[in-house]
Protein backbone atom coordinates (compact mmCIF):
# COMPACT_ATOMS: atom_id res chain seq x y z
CA MET A 1 78.45 162.11 31.20
CA ASP A 2 77.71 160.43 34.52
CA GLY A 3 79.16 156.95 34.97
CA GLU A 4 77.81 154.16 37.13
CA ASP A 5 80.92 153.71 39.25
CA PHE A 6 84.54 154.78 39.68
CA ALA A 7 87.12 154.31 36.91
CA LEU A 8 90.68 153.40 37.95
CA GLN A 9 93.95 155.03 36.90
CA ARG A 10 97.28 153.85 38.36
CA LEU A 11 99.86 156.54 39.09
CA ASP A 12 103.63 156.14 38.84
CA SER A 13 103.87 156.70 42.60
CA GLY A 14 102.04 153.43 43.20
CA ALA A 15 98.85 155.18 44.29
CA GLU A 16 95.48 154.18 42.87
CA LEU A 17 93.33 157.01 41.54
CA TYR A 18 89.58 156.63 41.01
CA CYS A 19 87.34 159.05 39.15
CA TYR A 20 83.54 159.32 39.22
CA PRO A 21 82.30 162.15 36.97
CA ALA A 22 78.77 163.21 37.91
CA GLY A 23 77.73 166.49 36.33
CA ARG A 24 74.53 166.68 38.37
CA PHE A 25 76.63 167.87 41.33
CA LYS A 26 77.74 171.49 41.57
CA SER A 27 80.83 170.61 43.57
CA THR A 28 83.89 168.37 43.32
CA ARG A 29 85.05 166.14 46.14
CA VAL A 30 88.57 164.78 46.70
CA ASP A 31 89.19 161.92 49.15
CA PHE A 32 92.70 160.81 50.14
CA PHE A 33 93.06 157.47 51.95
CA LEU A 34 96.28 156.10 53.44
CA SER A 35 96.02 152.64 55.00
CA THR A 36 98.36 150.95 57.45
CA PRO A 37 97.96 147.78 59.55
CA LEU A 38 96.46 148.39 62.98
CA CYS A 39 99.12 147.71 65.59
CA ARG A 40 99.55 148.76 69.18
CA GLY A 41 101.57 151.95 69.65
CA GLN A 42 101.45 153.04 66.03
CA HIS A 43 97.65 153.36 66.27
CA THR A 44 98.19 156.17 68.80
CA ARG A 45 100.79 157.84 66.60
CA LEU A 46 98.49 157.95 63.58
CA ALA A 47 95.64 159.26 65.73
CA LEU A 48 97.83 162.18 66.83
CA ILE A 49 99.14 162.77 63.29
CA GLY A 50 95.58 163.15 62.02
CA ARG A 51 94.85 165.80 64.62
CA LEU A 52 98.09 167.70 63.96
CA LEU A 53 97.53 167.82 60.19
CA GLU A 54 94.50 170.00 60.83
CA ARG A 55 96.57 172.54 62.79
CA GLY A 56 98.43 174.11 59.86
CA THR A 57 101.19 173.94 57.24
CA ARG A 58 104.42 175.84 56.63
CA ARG A 59 102.53 178.35 54.51
CA LEU A 60 99.44 178.40 56.73
CA PRO A 61 100.95 177.98 60.20
CA ASP A 62 97.84 178.28 62.38
CA LEU A 63 94.10 177.68 62.38
CA GLN A 64 93.34 181.31 61.59
CA SER A 65 95.38 181.37 58.39
CA LEU A 66 94.20 177.88 57.39
CA ASN A 67 90.54 178.82 57.82
CA ARG A 68 91.08 182.11 55.99
CA PHE A 69 92.47 180.14 53.02
CA LEU A 70 89.43 177.83 53.01
CA ASP A 71 87.18 180.90 53.06
CA GLU A 72 89.00 182.15 49.96
CA LEU A 73 87.94 178.90 48.29
CA TYR A 74 84.30 179.97 48.80
CA GLY A 75 84.04 178.07 52.06
CA ALA A 76 85.55 174.77 50.92
CA GLY A 77 84.92 171.82 53.20
CA PHE A 78 88.06 170.24 54.64
CA ALA A 79 88.40 167.43 57.19
CA VAL A 80 90.94 164.94 58.50
CA GLU A 81 89.78 161.68 60.07
CA VAL A 82 91.53 158.63 61.43
CA GLU A 83 89.37 155.51 61.48
CA ALA A 84 89.62 151.74 61.78
CA LEU A 85 88.32 149.48 59.01
CA GLY A 86 88.85 145.83 59.80
CA ASP A 87 92.47 145.30 60.77
CA HIS A 88 93.64 148.51 59.10
CA GLN A 89 93.86 152.07 60.36
CA ILE A 90 93.02 154.74 57.82
CA LEU A 91 94.18 158.35 57.50
CA HIS A 92 91.43 160.07 55.51
CA LEU A 93 91.59 163.64 54.18
CA SER A 94 88.65 165.09 52.30
CA LEU A 95 88.11 168.37 50.46
CA GLU A 96 85.00 169.62 48.67
CA VAL A 97 84.98 172.74 46.48
CA VAL A 98 82.48 174.48 44.23
CA ALA A 99 82.90 173.37 40.59
CA SER A 100 84.37 175.98 38.24
CA PRO A 101 81.28 176.32 35.95
CA TYR A 102 79.38 177.75 38.92
CA LEU A 103 81.96 180.41 39.84
CA PRO A 104 82.59 183.91 38.44
CA GLY A 105 84.97 183.64 35.49
CA GLY A 106 85.14 179.85 35.86
CA GLU A 107 87.73 180.04 38.63
CA ASP A 108 89.61 176.75 39.16
CA LEU A 109 89.31 175.99 42.87
CA LEU A 110 90.03 172.30 42.44
CA THR A 111 93.68 172.75 41.48
CA ARG A 112 94.25 175.13 44.39
CA GLY A 113 92.49 172.73 46.72
CA VAL A 114 94.52 169.73 45.55
CA ARG A 115 97.78 171.62 46.07
CA PHE A 116 96.57 172.57 49.54
CA LEU A 117 95.98 168.88 50.40
CA GLY A 118 99.52 168.15 49.20
CA GLU A 119 100.83 170.85 51.53
CA VAL A 120 98.87 169.47 54.49
CA LEU A 121 100.41 166.05 53.96
CA ALA A 122 103.96 166.86 52.82
CA GLU A 123 104.58 170.22 54.50
CA PRO A 124 102.98 170.15 57.96
CA LEU A 125 104.08 172.83 60.38
CA GLU A 126 107.55 171.87 61.64
CA GLU A 127 109.71 173.04 64.54
CA LYS A 128 113.28 171.83 65.16
CA GLY A 129 112.86 168.73 62.99
CA GLY A 130 109.50 167.69 64.39
CA PHE A 131 105.90 168.76 64.70
CA ARG A 132 105.41 171.96 66.72
CA GLN A 133 105.87 170.89 70.34
CA ALA A 134 103.15 173.15 71.72
CA TYR A 135 100.61 171.77 69.24
CA LEU A 136 101.56 168.18 70.08
CA GLY A 137 101.07 168.81 73.80
CA GLN A 138 97.66 170.36 73.14
CA GLU A 139 96.56 167.48 70.93
CA LYS A 140 97.69 164.86 73.43
CA ARG A 141 95.51 166.50 76.07
CA ALA A 142 92.60 166.92 73.67
CA LEU A 143 92.82 163.28 72.54
CA ALA A 144 92.97 162.01 76.14
CA HIS A 145 89.88 164.11 76.95
CA TYR A 146 88.08 162.77 73.87
CA ILE A 147 88.82 159.17 74.83
CA ARG A 148 87.48 159.74 78.35
CA SER A 149 84.34 161.35 76.94
CA LEU A 150 83.53 158.26 74.85
CA ALA A 151 82.27 156.54 78.00
CA ASN A 152 79.38 159.03 78.08
CA ASP A 153 77.75 157.38 75.07
CA LYS A 154 76.67 154.17 76.76
CA SER A 155 75.47 152.39 73.63
CA ALA A 156 78.79 153.03 71.86
CA TYR A 157 80.64 152.07 75.04
CA ALA A 158 78.84 148.72 75.28
CA HIS A 159 79.55 147.99 71.62
CA ARG A 160 83.23 148.81 72.10
CA ARG A 161 83.51 146.54 75.14
CA CYS A 162 81.92 143.65 73.25
CA LEU A 163 84.18 144.14 70.23
CA GLU A 164 87.29 144.28 72.42
CA ALA A 165 86.31 141.02 74.11
CA MET A 166 85.69 139.29 70.77
CA CYS A 167 88.93 140.54 69.19
CA ARG A 168 91.19 140.65 72.22
CA ASP A 169 94.17 139.21 70.34
CA ALA A 170 93.31 140.54 66.86
CA PRO A 171 94.25 143.91 65.32
CA CYS A 172 90.60 144.88 64.75
CA GLY A 173 90.16 144.96 68.52
CA LEU A 174 92.33 148.09 68.68
CA PRO A 175 90.58 151.49 68.54
CA ALA A 176 91.51 154.00 65.83
CA TYR A 177 91.89 156.76 68.45
CA GLY A 178 94.81 155.06 70.19
CA ASP A 179 95.79 154.82 73.86
CA PRO A 180 97.05 157.66 76.11
CA ALA A 181 99.42 155.16 77.74
CA ASP A 182 101.53 155.46 74.57
CA PHE A 183 101.97 159.25 74.88
CA ARG A 184 105.18 159.11 76.90
CA ALA A 185 107.05 157.36 74.06
CA ILE A 186 105.82 159.85 71.44
CA ASN A 187 107.67 163.12 70.86
CA ALA A 188 107.52 165.74 68.13
CA ARG A 189 110.52 164.38 66.20
CA ASN A 190 109.70 160.67 66.15
CA LEU A 191 106.07 161.45 65.32
CA LEU A 192 107.06 163.47 62.24
CA SER A 193 109.42 160.66 61.20
CA CYS A 194 106.56 158.19 61.51
CA HIS A 195 104.37 160.43 59.35
CA ARG A 196 106.98 160.70 56.61
CA ARG A 197 107.58 156.94 56.64
CA LEU A 198 103.87 156.27 56.23
CA LEU A 199 103.60 158.74 53.33
CA ALA A 200 106.54 157.09 51.57
CA CYS A 201 105.52 153.45 51.90
CA SER A 202 101.82 153.01 52.69
CA PRO A 203 99.11 152.15 50.14
CA ILE A 204 97.29 155.30 48.99
CA ALA A 205 93.99 155.67 47.16
CA LEU A 206 92.63 158.92 45.72
CA TYR A 207 89.00 159.48 44.76
CA PHE A 208 87.75 162.37 42.63
CA SER A 209 83.96 162.57 42.45
CA GLY A 210 81.24 164.97 41.44
CA HIS A 211 81.71 167.67 38.81
CA VAL A 212 85.13 166.55 37.54
CA VAL A 213 86.79 166.09 34.13
CA PRO A 214 88.35 162.59 33.90
CA GLU A 215 91.13 163.78 31.58
CA THR A 216 92.52 166.12 34.25
CA VAL A 217 92.55 163.93 37.34
CA ALA A 218 95.85 162.11 36.70
CA GLN A 219 97.76 165.40 36.67
CA LEU A 220 95.88 166.53 39.78
CA GLY A 221 96.80 163.27 41.49
CA ARG A 222 100.47 163.82 40.70
CA GLU A 223 100.27 167.36 42.10
CA LEU A 224 98.72 166.08 45.32
CA LEU A 225 101.33 163.35 45.79
CA CYS A 226 104.18 165.86 45.78
CA TRP A 227 106.68 163.78 47.78
CA GLY A 228 108.93 160.82 47.00
CA ARG A 229 107.38 157.41 47.44
CA GLU A 230 108.59 153.83 47.71
CA PRO A 231 105.23 152.11 48.07
CA GLY A 232 105.18 148.68 49.61
CA ARG A 233 102.90 145.84 48.68
CA ARG A 234 99.21 145.97 49.39
CA ALA A 235 98.18 143.60 52.11
CA GLY A 236 96.95 140.18 51.00
CA GLN A 237 93.69 138.48 51.86
CA TRP A 238 92.57 139.35 55.35
CA VAL A 239 92.17 136.68 57.98
CA LEU A 240 88.95 137.05 59.95
CA PRO A 241 89.46 137.05 63.74
CA ALA A 242 89.15 133.55 65.21
CA SER A 243 86.67 132.47 67.87
CA THR A 244 87.78 132.57 71.48
CA GLY A 245 86.00 129.25 72.14
CA ALA A 246 82.93 129.04 74.39
CA VAL A 247 80.41 131.89 74.45
CA GLN A 248 81.57 134.70 76.72
CA GLU A 249 78.99 136.35 79.00
CA LEU A 250 80.16 139.68 80.37
CA PHE A 251 78.30 141.98 82.79
CA GLU A 252 79.12 145.48 83.96
CA SER A 253 77.22 147.95 86.13
CA GLN A 254 77.23 151.74 85.85
CA GLU A 255 74.98 154.68 86.65
CA VAL A 256 72.77 154.25 83.57
CA SER A 257 69.03 154.72 83.13
CA GLN A 258 68.59 151.57 81.02
CA GLY A 259 70.57 148.46 80.24
CA ARG A 260 72.54 148.09 77.02
CA LEU A 261 72.76 144.59 75.62
CA VAL A 262 75.23 143.74 72.83
CA LEU A 263 75.41 140.26 71.29
CA GLY A 264 78.44 139.67 69.08
CA TYR A 265 78.30 136.92 66.44
CA ARG A 266 80.99 135.47 64.20
CA THR A 267 79.84 134.89 60.63
CA GLY A 268 83.00 133.56 58.98
CA ILE A 269 81.96 135.65 55.96
CA GLY A 270 84.00 138.63 54.77
CA LEU A 271 83.11 141.33 52.28
CA ALA A 272 84.95 139.55 49.45
CA ASP A 273 83.20 136.20 50.01
CA GLU A 274 80.53 134.92 47.63
CA ASP A 275 78.12 134.59 50.54
CA TYR A 276 78.48 138.22 51.61
CA PRO A 277 75.42 139.52 49.66
CA GLY A 278 73.38 136.83 51.40
CA LEU A 279 74.77 137.94 54.76
CA VAL A 280 73.73 141.53 53.96
CA LEU A 281 70.20 140.32 53.25
CA PHE A 282 70.21 138.19 56.40
CA ASN A 283 71.29 141.15 58.52
CA ALA A 284 68.69 143.49 56.99
CA LEU A 285 65.90 140.97 57.46
CA LEU A 286 66.91 140.20 61.05
CA GLY A 287 67.45 143.71 62.41
CA GLY A 288 69.18 146.06 59.98
CA GLU A 289 66.10 147.86 58.69
CA ALA A 290 63.26 149.77 60.35
CA GLN A 291 60.69 146.97 59.91
CA SER A 292 63.01 144.03 60.48
CA ARG A 293 62.11 140.97 62.52
CA LEU A 294 63.71 141.93 65.83
CA PHE A 295 62.16 145.39 65.74
CA ARG A 296 58.69 144.07 64.97
CA GLN A 297 58.73 141.10 67.33
CA LEU A 298 60.64 142.42 70.35
CA ARG A 299 60.02 146.17 70.21
CA GLU A 300 56.58 146.61 68.62
CA GLU A 301 54.73 143.41 69.59
CA ALA A 302 56.34 142.22 72.83
CA GLY A 303 57.51 145.63 74.13
CA LEU A 304 60.69 144.06 75.51
CA CYS A 305 63.13 146.81 74.55
CA TYR A 306 63.43 150.54 73.99
CA HIS A 307 65.31 149.98 70.74
CA ILE A 308 66.89 147.05 68.94
CA GLY A 309 68.82 146.58 65.72
CA THR A 310 71.70 144.79 64.05
CA HIS A 311 74.71 145.82 62.01
CA LEU A 312 77.64 144.20 60.25
CA GLU A 313 81.37 144.80 60.52
CA PRO A 314 82.06 143.67 56.93
CA LEU A 315 85.85 143.67 57.17
CA CYS A 316 85.85 141.64 60.40
CA GLY A 317 83.15 139.09 59.57
CA LEU A 318 81.14 140.10 62.65
CA LEU A 319 77.45 140.79 63.25
CA PHE A 320 76.11 142.64 66.29
CA VAL A 321 72.67 142.74 67.87
CA GLU A 322 72.27 145.83 70.08
CA ALA A 323 69.31 146.70 72.32
CA GLY A 324 68.28 149.06 75.08
CA ILE A 325 66.39 147.05 77.72
CA GLU A 326 65.36 146.88 81.36
CA PRO A 327 67.44 144.37 83.35
CA ALA A 328 64.31 142.37 84.17
CA ALA A 329 63.83 141.68 80.44
CA TYR A 330 67.36 140.34 79.91
CA THR A 331 66.54 136.63 79.87
CA ARG A 332 63.44 137.03 77.69
CA VAL A 333 65.26 139.24 75.19
CA ARG A 334 68.12 136.75 74.89
CA ALA A 335 65.63 133.93 74.35
CA GLN A 336 63.58 135.87 71.76
CA VAL A 337 66.66 136.86 69.77
CA GLU A 338 67.83 133.25 69.67
CA ALA A 339 64.32 132.16 68.62
CA GLN A 340 64.47 134.46 65.59
CA PHE A 341 67.87 133.09 64.64
CA GLU A 342 66.51 129.55 64.89
CA LEU A 343 63.53 130.36 62.67
CA LEU A 344 65.89 131.68 60.02
CA ARG A 345 68.12 128.62 60.34
CA GLN A 346 65.04 126.54 59.58
CA GLY A 347 64.26 128.70 56.54
CA ARG A 348 60.92 129.86 57.95
CA LEU A 349 60.13 133.16 56.22
CA VAL A 350 56.96 135.21 56.11
CA PRO A 351 55.56 135.37 52.54
CA GLY A 352 56.99 138.42 50.76
CA GLU A 353 59.46 139.16 53.60
CA LEU A 354 62.58 138.33 51.61
CA GLU A 355 61.57 140.27 48.52
CA LEU A 356 60.53 143.34 50.53
CA THR A 357 63.93 143.37 52.28
CA ARG A 358 65.76 142.84 49.00
CA GLN A 359 64.01 145.80 47.34
CA CYS A 360 64.88 148.01 50.31
CA LEU A 361 68.57 147.11 49.97
CA LEU A 362 68.54 147.74 46.22
CA ARG A 363 67.00 151.19 46.77
CA ASN A 364 69.76 151.97 49.27
CA LEU A 365 72.40 150.73 46.82
CA TRP A 366 71.34 153.05 44.02
CA ALA A 367 70.56 155.92 46.41
CA LEU A 368 74.34 156.21 46.83
CA ASP A 369 74.12 158.33 43.66
CA ASP A 370 72.91 161.14 45.91
CA SER A 371 76.06 161.23 48.03
CA CYS A 372 79.63 161.30 46.75
CA GLU A 373 80.85 160.62 50.28
CA GLY A 374 78.69 157.51 50.64
CA LEU A 375 79.72 156.22 47.22
CA VAL A 376 83.42 156.73 47.98
CA ARG A 377 83.16 154.83 51.27
CA PHE A 378 81.24 151.99 49.61
CA PHE A 379 83.98 151.43 47.04
CA TYR A 380 86.92 152.07 49.37
CA GLN A 381 85.77 149.31 51.72
CA GLN A 382 85.72 146.98 48.73
CA LEU A 383 89.23 148.08 47.77
CA LEU A 384 90.52 147.20 51.23
CA ALA A 385 88.81 143.80 51.05
CA GLY A 386 90.20 143.06 47.59
CA CYS A 387 86.73 142.99 46.08
CA GLN A 388 86.09 145.55 43.31
CA LEU A 389 82.52 144.95 42.11
CA SER A 390 80.26 147.41 40.33
CA ARG A 391 76.87 148.20 41.80
CA SER A 392 75.25 146.32 38.91
CA SER A 393 77.19 143.23 40.00
CA TRP A 394 76.06 143.75 43.59
CA GLN A 395 72.47 144.00 42.40
CA GLN A 396 72.77 140.74 40.48
CA ARG A 397 74.23 139.00 43.52
CA LEU A 398 71.52 140.32 45.83
CA GLU A 399 68.83 139.25 43.38
CA ALA A 400 70.28 135.71 43.28
CA VAL A 401 69.96 135.12 47.04
CA GLY A 402 67.19 132.70 47.89
CA ALA A 403 65.56 131.46 51.10
CA GLU A 404 67.81 128.38 51.16
CA ASP A 405 70.87 130.66 51.05
CA LEU A 406 69.63 132.61 54.06
CA ALA A 407 69.08 129.39 56.01
CA ARG A 408 72.59 128.18 55.17
CA ILE A 409 74.10 131.53 56.22
CA ALA A 410 72.06 131.62 59.42
CA VAL A 411 73.67 128.33 60.47
CA ARG A 412 77.12 129.91 60.04
CA VAL A 413 76.30 132.90 62.26
CA GLN A 414 77.24 131.82 65.78
CA LEU A 415 77.11 133.74 69.06
CA ASP A 416 80.55 134.50 70.47
CA THR A 417 80.12 137.18 73.16
CA SER A 418 77.28 138.69 75.17
CA PHE A 419 77.93 142.00 76.94
CA PHE A 420 75.33 143.62 79.22
CA LEU A 421 75.78 147.06 80.77
CA HIS A 422 73.15 147.37 83.51
CA PRO A 423 72.20 149.99 86.12
CA SER A 424 74.11 149.86 89.38
CA GLY A 425 72.41 149.67 92.76
CA GLY A 426 70.36 146.81 94.14
CA GLU A 427 70.90 143.20 93.25
CA TRP A 428 70.44 141.84 89.77
CA ARG A 429 71.08 138.39 88.38
CA PRO A 430 70.37 137.11 84.86
């Protein structure tokens, strides 16, 4: 029987295991999350560890043998990611296999897949007490190249620069991909030691979703966590990054075809706060949906920008407005964005606007049923924030938000940093 949300089982190793049986899927997905505080130096180590875990194990010592094994599992999907969520860095392994009822003879791929994930984590390819030196050298070069290439996506670059300025002295200002300046201090032996220390002490969460039998997942979880653990405490309530004071206005010129404007706001509202559902509605109404205010007013009616939208960083308490504009429109766009904020602070809504936005969010909430990956991420973010609410509870909270709540939240959302990446050449002044 399909359940609404994940059910929790605690393992003796200190890991938390969540199960979401959904028989409508023909596959089973396993997600492994290890979280550690973002801190300079270690963020580069974990970034490299994530890349090396994809290179092989003792039993499968190279990409060819690893991919051949995945092919034997009827083309199982396997990935390793390292990402930043708030002030934590996350090592995320995922595996998706065809469910046994849909295979000849009911073959059990899930158990084989879970044991494989355990090997990837506990038995990476070693050489002289460390990761294989040749692989580490290759991944350092590949990571450095990847970091340089990020500047080619100008919208993402502008967002990153704004975030770094807002969180200059906070962990969430560090990128998950690390810093090549740390490479010199990282060698094959101390990197493997770091990996083993993280496996032994860091908080771990396992998610089994899709076509899965709840009665079997605890044993599967124990098979995956096949190493000794001395788990530490889970981090307490997060502290949202503090304001730097007066509004920062930053400008940068590059060879770009259009300007990229990013406005970073502090909300003072985290995912676990009672006001967070109202902030979600506020964001969607302002610029988070296709027919939101900023899109209609600035893009469709005034023609001031090529694109415009907003998004939340729920574990940092930040909201961003991002737009592609011509430099000549900079002042008008800034003024129009502020005008929309002021209208919301005054509680001035178009009839039906709030309810239309609310229904859109509720559809998105329940549409998570169509994606195990999306559902896992939705609940894992809550786990990190210390807020474990069912989707029914989220629906009730969204339905309780009124116009006066949006006005109160709008007052709390204050501009902190403006970053504008504009074309080089000629003279331009705001």
